[in-house]
Structures are given as structure tokens and as C-alpha cells.
Protein backbone atom coordinates (compact mmCIF):
# COMPACT_ATOMS: atom_id res chain seq x y z
CA MET A 1 117.18 35.06 81.66
CA SER A 2 114.00 34.07 83.42
CA LYS A 3 113.21 30.68 84.06
CA ILE A 4 111.90 28.46 81.27
CA LYS A 5 108.21 27.46 82.79
CA VAL A 6 107.10 25.20 79.72
CA VAL A 7 109.15 23.12 77.05
CA THR A 8 106.43 22.99 74.15
CA ILE A 9 107.52 20.50 71.44
CA GLY A 10 106.11 20.94 67.77
CA ARG A 11 107.44 17.47 65.48
CA LEU A 12 107.25 15.96 62.25
CA TYR A 13 105.42 12.90 62.31
CA CYS A 14 107.53 9.73 63.32
CA SER A 15 110.52 11.73 64.64
CA GLY A 16 110.38 10.64 68.45
CA GLY A 17 108.69 13.90 69.74
CA SER A 18 106.22 12.25 72.08
CA SER A 19 109.33 10.11 73.23
CA ILE A 20 111.09 12.84 73.63
CA GLY A 21 108.94 15.08 75.28
CA LYS A 22 108.16 12.10 77.89
CA MET A 23 112.04 11.51 78.29
CA VAL A 24 112.34 15.38 79.22
CA ALA A 25 109.53 15.46 81.47
CA GLU A 26 111.48 12.63 83.40
CA LYS A 27 114.64 14.31 83.43
CA LEU A 28 112.88 17.53 84.54
CA GLY A 29 110.98 15.65 86.97
CA ILE A 30 107.57 17.55 85.43
CA PRO A 31 104.49 16.24 83.72
CA CYS A 32 104.20 16.02 79.78
CA TYR A 33 100.89 16.12 78.15
CA ASP A 34 100.46 14.94 74.82
CA ARG A 35 97.23 13.17 73.44
CA GLU A 36 95.96 13.53 76.65
CA ILE A 37 94.96 16.86 75.62
CA VAL A 38 92.72 16.38 72.61
CA GLU A 39 90.85 13.61 75.22
CA MET A 40 90.68 16.62 77.93
CA ALA A 41 89.44 19.19 75.37
CA ALA A 42 86.84 16.54 73.70
CA GLU A 43 85.21 16.63 77.22
CA LYS A 44 85.61 20.05 77.67
CA SER A 45 83.90 21.11 74.38
CA GLY A 46 81.11 18.31 74.10
CA ILE A 47 82.67 16.42 71.05
CA SER A 48 83.42 12.71 71.69
CA MET A 49 86.56 11.65 70.91
CA ALA A 50 85.14 9.17 68.38
CA ASP A 51 83.25 12.24 66.64
CA ILE A 52 87.11 13.73 66.75
CA LYS A 53 88.49 10.76 65.27
CA LYS A 54 85.83 10.67 62.17
CA TYR A 55 87.01 14.53 61.61
CA GLU A 56 90.63 13.43 61.59
CA GLU A 57 90.11 10.66 59.49
CA SER A 58 88.45 13.02 57.06
CA VAL A 59 91.38 15.59 57.09
CA LEU A 60 93.84 12.71 56.46
CA ASN A 61 91.39 10.85 53.43
CA PRO A 62 90.03 13.92 51.41
CA LEU A 63 88.17 11.31 49.62
CA LYS A 64 85.80 10.59 52.68
CA LYS A 65 82.89 12.70 53.35
CA GLN A 66 83.01 15.23 55.95
CA VAL A 67 82.25 14.96 59.28
CA SER A 68 78.51 15.93 58.22
CA PHE A 69 77.26 16.97 62.03
CA PHE A 70 79.20 20.32 61.69
CA LYS A 71 78.34 23.17 59.39
CA SER A 72 81.82 23.07 57.95
CA SER A 73 85.19 21.42 59.13
CA GLU A 74 86.18 25.08 60.71
CA ASP A 75 83.72 24.56 63.11
CA ILE A 76 84.71 21.40 64.20
CA THR A 77 88.41 23.05 64.18
CA GLU A 78 87.61 26.06 66.12
CA LYS A 79 85.60 23.94 68.68
CA ILE A 80 88.31 21.89 69.33
CA PHE A 81 91.39 24.76 69.26
CA ALA A 82 89.10 26.78 71.60
CA ALA A 83 88.72 23.93 73.99
CA GLU A 84 92.56 22.71 73.82
CA THR A 85 93.43 26.01 74.63
CA GLN A 86 91.51 26.17 77.75
CA VAL A 87 93.29 22.57 78.57
CA VAL A 88 96.65 23.66 78.07
CA TYR A 89 96.28 27.06 80.15
CA GLU A 90 94.64 24.80 82.94
CA LEU A 91 97.55 22.47 82.94
CA VAL A 92 100.49 25.29 82.98
CA GLU A 93 98.59 26.81 86.16
CA LYS A 94 99.42 23.40 87.66
CA GLY A 95 103.02 23.98 87.15
CA PRO A 96 106.33 23.62 84.79
CA CYS A 97 105.49 21.04 82.38
CA VAL A 98 106.07 19.39 78.88
CA ILE A 99 103.77 19.83 76.48
CA VAL A 100 103.48 17.97 73.00
CA GLY A 101 101.89 19.53 69.96
CA ARG A 102 98.53 21.47 70.20
CA CYS A 103 100.22 24.90 68.80
CA ALA A 104 101.08 25.24 72.51
CA ASP A 105 104.23 27.34 71.53
CA PHE A 106 101.49 29.90 70.15
CA ILE A 107 98.98 29.29 73.17
CA LEU A 108 101.28 30.04 75.60
CA LYS A 109 102.93 33.16 73.84
CA ASN A 110 103.16 35.87 76.28
CA LYS A 111 101.78 34.13 78.97
CA VAL A 112 104.46 32.15 80.46
CA LYS A 113 108.69 31.34 79.62
CA THR A 114 108.44 28.83 77.13
CA LEU A 115 111.34 26.89 75.56
CA ASP A 116 109.69 26.34 72.09
CA VAL A 117 111.36 23.11 70.29
CA PHE A 118 110.63 21.18 66.76
CA ILE A 119 111.97 17.79 66.56
CA TYR A 120 112.77 16.78 62.71
CA SER A 121 114.32 13.56 61.05
CA SER A 122 114.72 12.48 57.65
CA LEU A 123 112.21 10.80 55.89
CA ASP A 124 114.01 7.72 55.66
CA LYS A 125 114.59 7.91 59.25
CA ARG A 126 110.77 8.49 59.90
CA LYS A 127 109.51 5.42 57.54
CA GLN A 128 112.25 3.39 59.55
CA THR A 129 110.17 4.07 62.74
CA ALA A 130 106.92 4.35 61.28
CA MET A 131 107.05 0.85 60.06
CA ALA A 132 108.48 -0.18 63.56
CA ALA A 133 105.94 -0.97 66.69
CA PRO A 134 103.77 0.62 67.70
CA HIS A 135 102.76 1.92 64.43
CA ASN A 136 103.19 -1.20 62.21
CA ILE A 137 102.39 0.86 59.13
CA PRO A 138 102.76 -1.43 55.95
CA GLU A 139 105.91 -0.22 53.68
CA ASP A 140 103.68 0.36 50.68
CA GLU A 141 101.81 2.78 52.98
CA VAL A 142 104.19 4.68 54.82
CA GLU A 143 105.42 7.56 52.26
CA ASN A 144 102.01 8.76 52.09
CA ARG A 145 100.88 8.33 55.67
CA ILE A 146 104.04 10.39 56.89
CA LYS A 147 103.37 13.13 54.30
CA LYS A 148 99.35 13.25 55.33
CA TYR A 149 99.99 13.56 58.88
CA ASP A 150 102.84 16.00 58.25
CA LYS A 151 100.35 18.40 56.22
CA LYS A 152 97.40 17.70 58.86
CA ARG A 153 99.66 19.24 61.32
CA GLY A 154 100.95 21.67 59.32
CA ASP A 155 97.51 22.79 58.09
CA TYR A 156 96.16 22.76 61.53
CA TYR A 157 99.13 24.91 63.20
CA ASN A 158 99.36 27.15 60.16
CA THR A 159 95.66 28.04 60.50
CA ASN A 160 95.35 28.49 63.93
CA THR A 161 98.39 30.35 64.60
CA ASN A 162 99.52 32.51 61.85
CA LYS A 163 102.94 31.19 61.61
CA GLN A 164 104.47 28.83 59.73
CA TRP A 165 104.83 24.94 61.32
CA SER A 166 108.12 23.72 60.65
CA SER A 167 109.73 27.01 60.01
CA LYS A 168 112.73 27.25 62.30
CA PHE A 169 111.66 30.78 62.49
CA SER A 170 108.77 29.55 64.43
CA TYR A 171 110.93 28.05 67.68
CA ASP A 172 113.75 28.37 69.65
CA LEU A 173 115.37 25.35 69.33
CA CYS A 174 115.23 22.64 65.98
CA LEU A 175 117.00 19.47 66.78
CA ASP A 176 117.51 16.25 64.10
CA SER A 177 116.24 13.28 66.04
CA GLY A 178 117.98 10.70 63.76
CA THR A 179 121.13 12.43 63.50
CA LEU A 180 121.23 13.28 67.39
CA GLY A 181 119.04 10.37 68.80
CA TYR A 182 116.22 10.43 71.41
CA ASP A 183 118.24 10.79 74.36
CA MET A 184 120.75 13.43 73.04
CA CYS A 185 117.90 15.67 72.17
CA ALA A 186 115.91 14.94 75.70
CA GLU A 187 119.36 16.20 77.27
CA ILE A 188 120.09 19.06 75.50
CA ILE A 189 116.40 20.31 76.15
CA ALA A 190 116.44 19.62 79.63
CA HIS A 191 119.92 21.14 80.08
CA THR A 192 118.87 24.26 78.25
CA VAL A 193 115.92 24.42 80.84
CA GLU A 194 117.90 23.90 83.73
CA ALA A 195 120.70 26.62 82.29
CA SER A 196 117.78 29.20 82.44
CA GLU A 197 117.42 29.52 86.04
């Protein structure tokens, strides 16, 4: 088995994927990239973060008017995805890392050796996480918000990868953070990477 160079983490909303990614990176002594990839992609594509946020809000709330400065919502999705792909390639060129989200498992397929992980948890556990800091989502909105974010992530992944988001067949390792806890998930992932040497 060749050495795993990059850990990619897909995750359900409020399942702890971002936190687990940071913990894995710390255990392995490598960088973790998450939301900053979107910021780098925005800069690279010329799309402002404000416009990306407007687009994301319009995806989450179908009653809001679609962002009108693009011909269609597909135009901005394609631009963002192309820019994120370029950023992911550049980050991986710098060395081993953890990448949270951004279809990195698909982008890096056949480029470098990856460990593709999916983090999930029960809806009840994710509701508890979503209502606590830093999310602080009100109880009467929490389930709806979780479902919207999961749908957004799933649609983005499925559209850009021709794979099925959250399907165990799309990943090397699927971990239930609600049952195992964040630290145990991070330990399992880090151990798997170390054992690949």
C-alpha cells in the first residue's frame, strides 16, 4: 500500500467533520483546509465572497430570488467548482494535508493517494450540536436547517462528481461521530494514514 498523502472529509451538517479534520491534521502534523478554500477560490475566480454567500443563501432558500448577475445558478456553480479544483490542486502540491468538503475526494482521484472519509451522526445528535455554540440555531428552525444544508451539500457533490454523496460506496471509511466521538474518529483516521506508510 502506498502512503496516503491527503485525507478528504465529507460530512453531514453538524456531524463534526470540520472539527475532526482539524484534529486529524494536528495528530499528523499537517495543515487542514476547509472554508478557506472557498475564500481562495473566490479570489481566483473573481467572484466576491458576498456574491458566493448570496448564491449559497438562494440555494438554501428556494423562495429567494436566484442571484441575477449570472445567466443561471449553474454558471456560478461551475465557476466556483473550477476555481476550487484549482485551489485544491495547488494546496496538495504544497504537501500532505486534510481537506474538508469541496468534492476533494473526486478532484484528487487518480492524482494522489487519498483516504476518503465520510463523517455522519444521527439527526438527534446533530440537532444538539446545531443548537449549541457556535451554531446557536433556534430549536424551531434546527431540523429544517440541517436538512437544507445536507441537501445543498448533496446536490453540489452529486452534480460535480457523478457519485452519490453520503453513500458508503463513495468513500474508503465512514464514521459515526455521534457514537464514536470526535477524538476516536480522529484517532482512527490518523492511525489509518500512519499504517499506510
